[in-house]
N, C-alpha and C. Protein backbone atom coordinates (compact mmCIF):
# COMPACT_ATOMS: atom_id res chain seq x y z
N MET A 1 0.85 -1.17 0.00
CA MET A 1 0.00 0.00 0.00
C MET A 1 0.89 1.23 0.00
N ASP A 2 0.69 2.14 -0.92
CA ASP A 2 1.47 3.36 -0.99
C ASP A 2 1.10 4.28 0.15
N ALA A 3 2.10 5.05 0.59
CA ALA A 3 1.83 6.02 1.65
C ALA A 3 0.89 7.09 1.11
N GLN A 4 -0.14 7.38 1.86
CA GLN A 4 -1.07 8.44 1.51
C GLN A 4 -1.03 9.46 2.62
N PHE A 5 -1.20 10.71 2.25
CA PHE A 5 -1.17 11.77 3.24
C PHE A 5 -2.58 12.27 3.45
N TYR A 6 -2.89 12.59 4.69
CA TYR A 6 -4.25 12.93 5.03
C TYR A 6 -4.37 14.39 5.45
N TYR A 7 -5.47 14.74 6.06
CA TYR A 7 -5.81 16.13 6.37
C TYR A 7 -4.65 16.90 7.00
N CYS A 8 -3.89 16.26 7.85
CA CYS A 8 -2.83 16.93 8.60
C CYS A 8 -1.51 16.97 7.86
N GLY A 9 -1.41 16.27 6.73
CA GLY A 9 -0.16 16.23 5.98
C GLY A 9 0.75 15.09 6.37
N ARG A 10 0.40 14.33 7.41
CA ARG A 10 1.20 13.17 7.81
C ARG A 10 0.69 11.94 7.07
N PRO A 11 1.57 10.96 6.85
CA PRO A 11 1.08 9.71 6.24
C PRO A 11 0.22 8.95 7.23
N GLY A 12 -0.74 8.21 6.73
CA GLY A 12 -1.61 7.42 7.59
C GLY A 12 -0.96 6.11 7.99
N ASN A 13 -1.49 5.49 9.03
CA ASN A 13 -1.01 4.19 9.50
C ASN A 13 -2.09 3.14 9.30
N LEU A 14 -1.67 1.97 8.86
CA LEU A 14 -2.57 0.83 8.81
C LEU A 14 -2.49 0.17 10.17
N THR A 15 -3.63 0.06 10.85
CA THR A 15 -3.68 -0.44 12.22
C THR A 15 -4.78 -1.49 12.33
N THR A 16 -4.64 -2.37 13.29
CA THR A 16 -5.66 -3.39 13.53
C THR A 16 -6.42 -3.05 14.81
N SER A 17 -7.72 -3.08 14.72
CA SER A 17 -8.58 -2.83 15.87
C SER A 17 -8.66 -4.10 16.71
N TRP A 18 -8.57 -3.94 18.02
CA TRP A 18 -8.73 -5.07 18.93
C TRP A 18 -9.89 -4.82 19.88
N THR A 19 -10.83 -3.97 19.48
CA THR A 19 -12.00 -3.72 20.31
C THR A 19 -12.95 -4.91 20.23
N VAL A 20 -13.83 -5.02 21.19
CA VAL A 20 -14.80 -6.11 21.20
C VAL A 20 -15.73 -6.01 19.99
N SER A 21 -16.10 -4.79 19.60
CA SER A 21 -17.04 -4.63 18.49
C SER A 21 -16.39 -4.79 17.12
N ASN A 22 -15.07 -4.63 17.02
CA ASN A 22 -14.37 -4.76 15.73
C ASN A 22 -13.04 -5.50 15.88
N PRO A 23 -13.05 -6.72 16.42
CA PRO A 23 -11.79 -7.43 16.62
C PRO A 23 -11.14 -7.82 15.30
N CYS A 24 -9.85 -7.62 15.20
CA CYS A 24 -9.04 -8.01 14.03
C CYS A 24 -9.37 -7.23 12.77
N ARG A 25 -10.12 -6.16 12.90
CA ARG A 25 -10.51 -5.39 11.72
C ARG A 25 -9.49 -4.27 11.51
N ARG A 26 -8.99 -4.15 10.27
CA ARG A 26 -7.95 -3.16 9.97
C ARG A 26 -8.54 -1.84 9.52
N PHE A 27 -7.83 -0.76 9.87
CA PHE A 27 -8.25 0.57 9.45
C PHE A 27 -7.03 1.45 9.19
N ILE A 28 -7.25 2.50 8.43
CA ILE A 28 -6.20 3.49 8.19
C ILE A 28 -6.62 4.76 8.92
N GLY A 29 -5.70 5.34 9.64
CA GLY A 29 -5.99 6.57 10.36
C GLY A 29 -4.77 7.45 10.44
N CYS A 30 -4.99 8.66 10.87
CA CYS A 30 -3.90 9.61 11.11
C CYS A 30 -2.88 8.95 12.04
N GLN A 31 -1.60 9.28 11.87
CA GLN A 31 -0.57 8.72 12.76
C GLN A 31 -0.88 8.99 14.22
N LEU A 32 -1.57 10.08 14.48
CA LEU A 32 -1.90 10.46 15.85
C LEU A 32 -3.31 10.02 16.23
N TYR A 33 -3.91 9.11 15.48
CA TYR A 33 -5.29 8.69 15.72
C TYR A 33 -5.48 8.31 17.19
N GLY A 34 -6.48 8.89 17.81
CA GLY A 34 -6.78 8.63 19.22
C GLY A 34 -6.00 9.48 20.19
N LYS A 35 -5.17 10.40 19.68
CA LYS A 35 -4.36 11.27 20.53
C LYS A 35 -4.68 12.72 20.22
N ASP A 36 -4.24 13.61 21.10
CA ASP A 36 -4.40 15.04 20.85
C ASP A 36 -3.63 15.43 19.60
N GLY A 37 -4.20 16.26 18.78
CA GLY A 37 -3.54 16.74 17.57
C GLY A 37 -3.82 15.90 16.34
N ALA A 38 -4.58 14.83 16.50
CA ALA A 38 -4.92 13.99 15.34
C ALA A 38 -5.88 14.76 14.44
N CYS A 39 -5.75 14.54 13.13
CA CYS A 39 -6.59 15.27 12.19
C CYS A 39 -7.98 14.64 12.05
N GLY A 40 -8.15 13.44 12.56
CA GLY A 40 -9.46 12.81 12.52
C GLY A 40 -9.70 11.89 11.33
N TYR A 41 -8.69 11.73 10.45
CA TYR A 41 -8.89 10.85 9.30
C TYR A 41 -9.01 9.41 9.78
N PHE A 42 -10.01 8.70 9.26
CA PHE A 42 -10.27 7.31 9.64
C PHE A 42 -11.01 6.63 8.50
N MET A 43 -10.57 5.42 8.14
CA MET A 43 -11.26 4.66 7.09
C MET A 43 -11.02 3.17 7.35
N TRP A 44 -12.11 2.40 7.39
CA TRP A 44 -11.98 0.95 7.52
C TRP A 44 -11.40 0.38 6.23
N VAL A 45 -10.51 -0.61 6.35
CA VAL A 45 -9.95 -1.31 5.20
C VAL A 45 -10.71 -2.61 4.99
N ASP A 46 -11.03 -3.28 6.08
CA ASP A 46 -11.74 -4.56 6.01
C ASP A 46 -13.25 -4.33 6.12
N PRO A 47 -14.01 -5.22 5.51
CA PRO A 47 -15.48 -5.12 5.65
C PRO A 47 -15.90 -5.47 7.08
N PRO A 48 -17.10 -5.07 7.49
CA PRO A 48 -17.57 -5.42 8.84
C PRO A 48 -17.58 -6.94 9.03
N MET A 49 -17.36 -7.36 10.26
CA MET A 49 -17.36 -8.78 10.57
C MET A 49 -18.79 -9.25 10.83
N CYS A 50 -19.02 -10.52 10.59
CA CYS A 50 -20.34 -11.07 10.86
C CYS A 50 -20.56 -11.14 12.38
N ALA A 51 -21.80 -11.25 12.78
CA ALA A 51 -22.15 -11.25 14.21
C ALA A 51 -21.45 -12.40 14.95
N ARG A 52 -21.36 -13.54 14.33
CA ARG A 52 -20.73 -14.70 14.97
C ARG A 52 -19.25 -14.44 15.25
N SER A 53 -18.55 -13.82 14.31
CA SER A 53 -17.14 -13.50 14.50
C SER A 53 -16.95 -12.52 15.64
N ARG A 54 -17.87 -11.58 15.79
CA ARG A 54 -17.76 -10.60 16.87
C ARG A 54 -17.98 -11.25 18.24
N VAL A 55 -18.54 -12.46 18.26
CA VAL A 55 -18.71 -13.20 19.52
C VAL A 55 -17.52 -14.14 19.74
N VAL A 56 -17.13 -14.86 18.70
CA VAL A 56 -16.10 -15.88 18.81
C VAL A 56 -14.71 -15.28 19.04
N ILE A 57 -14.33 -14.29 18.25
CA ILE A 57 -12.96 -13.75 18.32
C ILE A 57 -12.63 -13.15 19.68
N PRO A 58 -13.49 -12.31 20.26
CA PRO A 58 -13.15 -11.82 21.61
C PRO A 58 -12.99 -12.95 22.63
N GLY A 59 -13.80 -13.99 22.52
CA GLY A 59 -13.66 -15.14 23.42
C GLY A 59 -12.32 -15.83 23.25
N LEU A 60 -11.89 -15.98 22.00
CA LEU A 60 -10.58 -16.57 21.74
C LEU A 60 -9.46 -15.69 22.28
N LEU A 61 -9.60 -14.39 22.12
CA LEU A 61 -8.59 -13.46 22.63
C LEU A 61 -8.51 -13.53 24.16
N ARG A 62 -9.66 -13.63 24.83
CA ARG A 62 -9.65 -13.77 26.29
C ARG A 62 -8.95 -15.06 26.70
N SER A 63 -9.22 -16.16 25.98
CA SER A 63 -8.57 -17.44 26.28
C SER A 63 -7.06 -17.34 26.08
N LEU A 64 -6.66 -16.67 25.02
CA LEU A 64 -5.24 -16.50 24.74
C LEU A 64 -4.56 -15.71 25.86
N ARG A 65 -5.18 -14.62 26.27
CA ARG A 65 -4.61 -13.80 27.36
C ARG A 65 -4.50 -14.61 28.65
N ARG A 66 -5.54 -15.39 28.93
CA ARG A 66 -5.54 -16.22 30.14
C ARG A 66 -4.39 -17.25 30.08
N LEU A 67 -4.21 -17.88 28.93
CA LEU A 67 -3.13 -18.87 28.78
C LEU A 67 -1.76 -18.21 28.85
N GLU A 68 -1.62 -17.03 28.26
CA GLU A 68 -0.34 -16.31 28.33
C GLU A 68 -0.01 -15.96 29.79
N ALA A 69 -1.00 -15.54 30.55
CA ALA A 69 -0.78 -15.22 31.96
C ALA A 69 -0.37 -16.47 32.74
N GLU A 70 -1.00 -17.60 32.40
CA GLU A 70 -0.65 -18.86 33.07
C GLU A 70 0.78 -19.26 32.76
N VAL A 71 1.19 -19.13 31.51
CA VAL A 71 2.57 -19.45 31.12
C VAL A 71 3.55 -18.55 31.86
N LYS A 72 3.21 -17.28 31.98
CA LYS A 72 4.07 -16.33 32.69
C LYS A 72 4.22 -16.74 34.16
N ARG A 73 3.09 -17.12 34.79
CA ARG A 73 3.14 -17.58 36.19
C ARG A 73 4.00 -18.84 36.33
N GLU A 74 3.84 -19.76 35.39
CA GLU A 74 4.61 -21.02 35.43
C GLU A 74 6.10 -20.74 35.29
N LYS A 75 6.46 -19.80 34.42
CA LYS A 75 7.88 -19.46 34.24
C LYS A 75 8.46 -18.86 35.52
N LYS A 76 7.67 -18.00 36.18
CA LYS A 76 8.13 -17.42 37.44
C LYS A 76 8.31 -18.51 38.49
N MET A 77 7.36 -19.44 38.56
CA MET A 77 7.45 -20.53 39.53
C MET A 77 8.67 -21.40 39.24
N LYS A 78 8.92 -21.68 37.98
CA LYS A 78 10.07 -22.49 37.60
C LYS A 78 11.36 -21.79 38.02
N MET A 79 11.45 -20.48 37.78
CA MET A 79 12.63 -19.72 38.14
C MET A 79 12.82 -19.74 39.66
N PHE A 80 11.72 -19.58 40.39
CA PHE A 80 11.77 -19.63 41.85
C PHE A 80 12.30 -20.98 42.32
N MET A 81 11.82 -22.05 41.74
CA MET A 81 12.23 -23.40 42.14
C MET A 81 13.70 -23.62 41.80
N VAL A 82 14.14 -23.16 40.66
CA VAL A 82 15.56 -23.30 40.28
C VAL A 82 16.42 -22.54 41.28
N MET A 83 16.02 -21.33 41.63
CA MET A 83 16.78 -20.53 42.59
C MET A 83 16.82 -21.23 43.96
N ALA A 84 15.68 -21.83 44.35
CA ALA A 84 15.63 -22.53 45.64
C ALA A 84 16.56 -23.74 45.64
N LEU A 85 16.61 -24.46 44.52
CA LEU A 85 17.50 -25.63 44.43
C LEU A 85 18.96 -25.20 44.44
N ILE A 86 19.26 -24.11 43.78
CA ILE A 86 20.65 -23.64 43.72
C ILE A 86 21.11 -23.18 45.09
N SER A 87 20.23 -22.55 45.86
CA SER A 87 20.63 -22.00 47.16
C SER A 87 20.71 -23.05 48.26
N THR A 88 20.28 -24.29 47.99
CA THR A 88 20.33 -25.32 49.04
C THR A 88 21.60 -26.13 48.96
């Protein structure tokens, strides 16, 4: 995709939405989109998702986050156990 310049003169960014209502949906917006000084340019790249996808994808994302947190806890526990074995 070629760089396009928007209302503010800055090139736009292709970004992925991770909101519950638009999970995994890509959009182009001002580089400062969502921040002070943004020009307000916004355009969806992907078509709207079906209702089922808007239910399934957030659930999968929650499961992924939960599993990532569990892996992080397990790594900390493993490190703690290794340190305990080394110090004995």
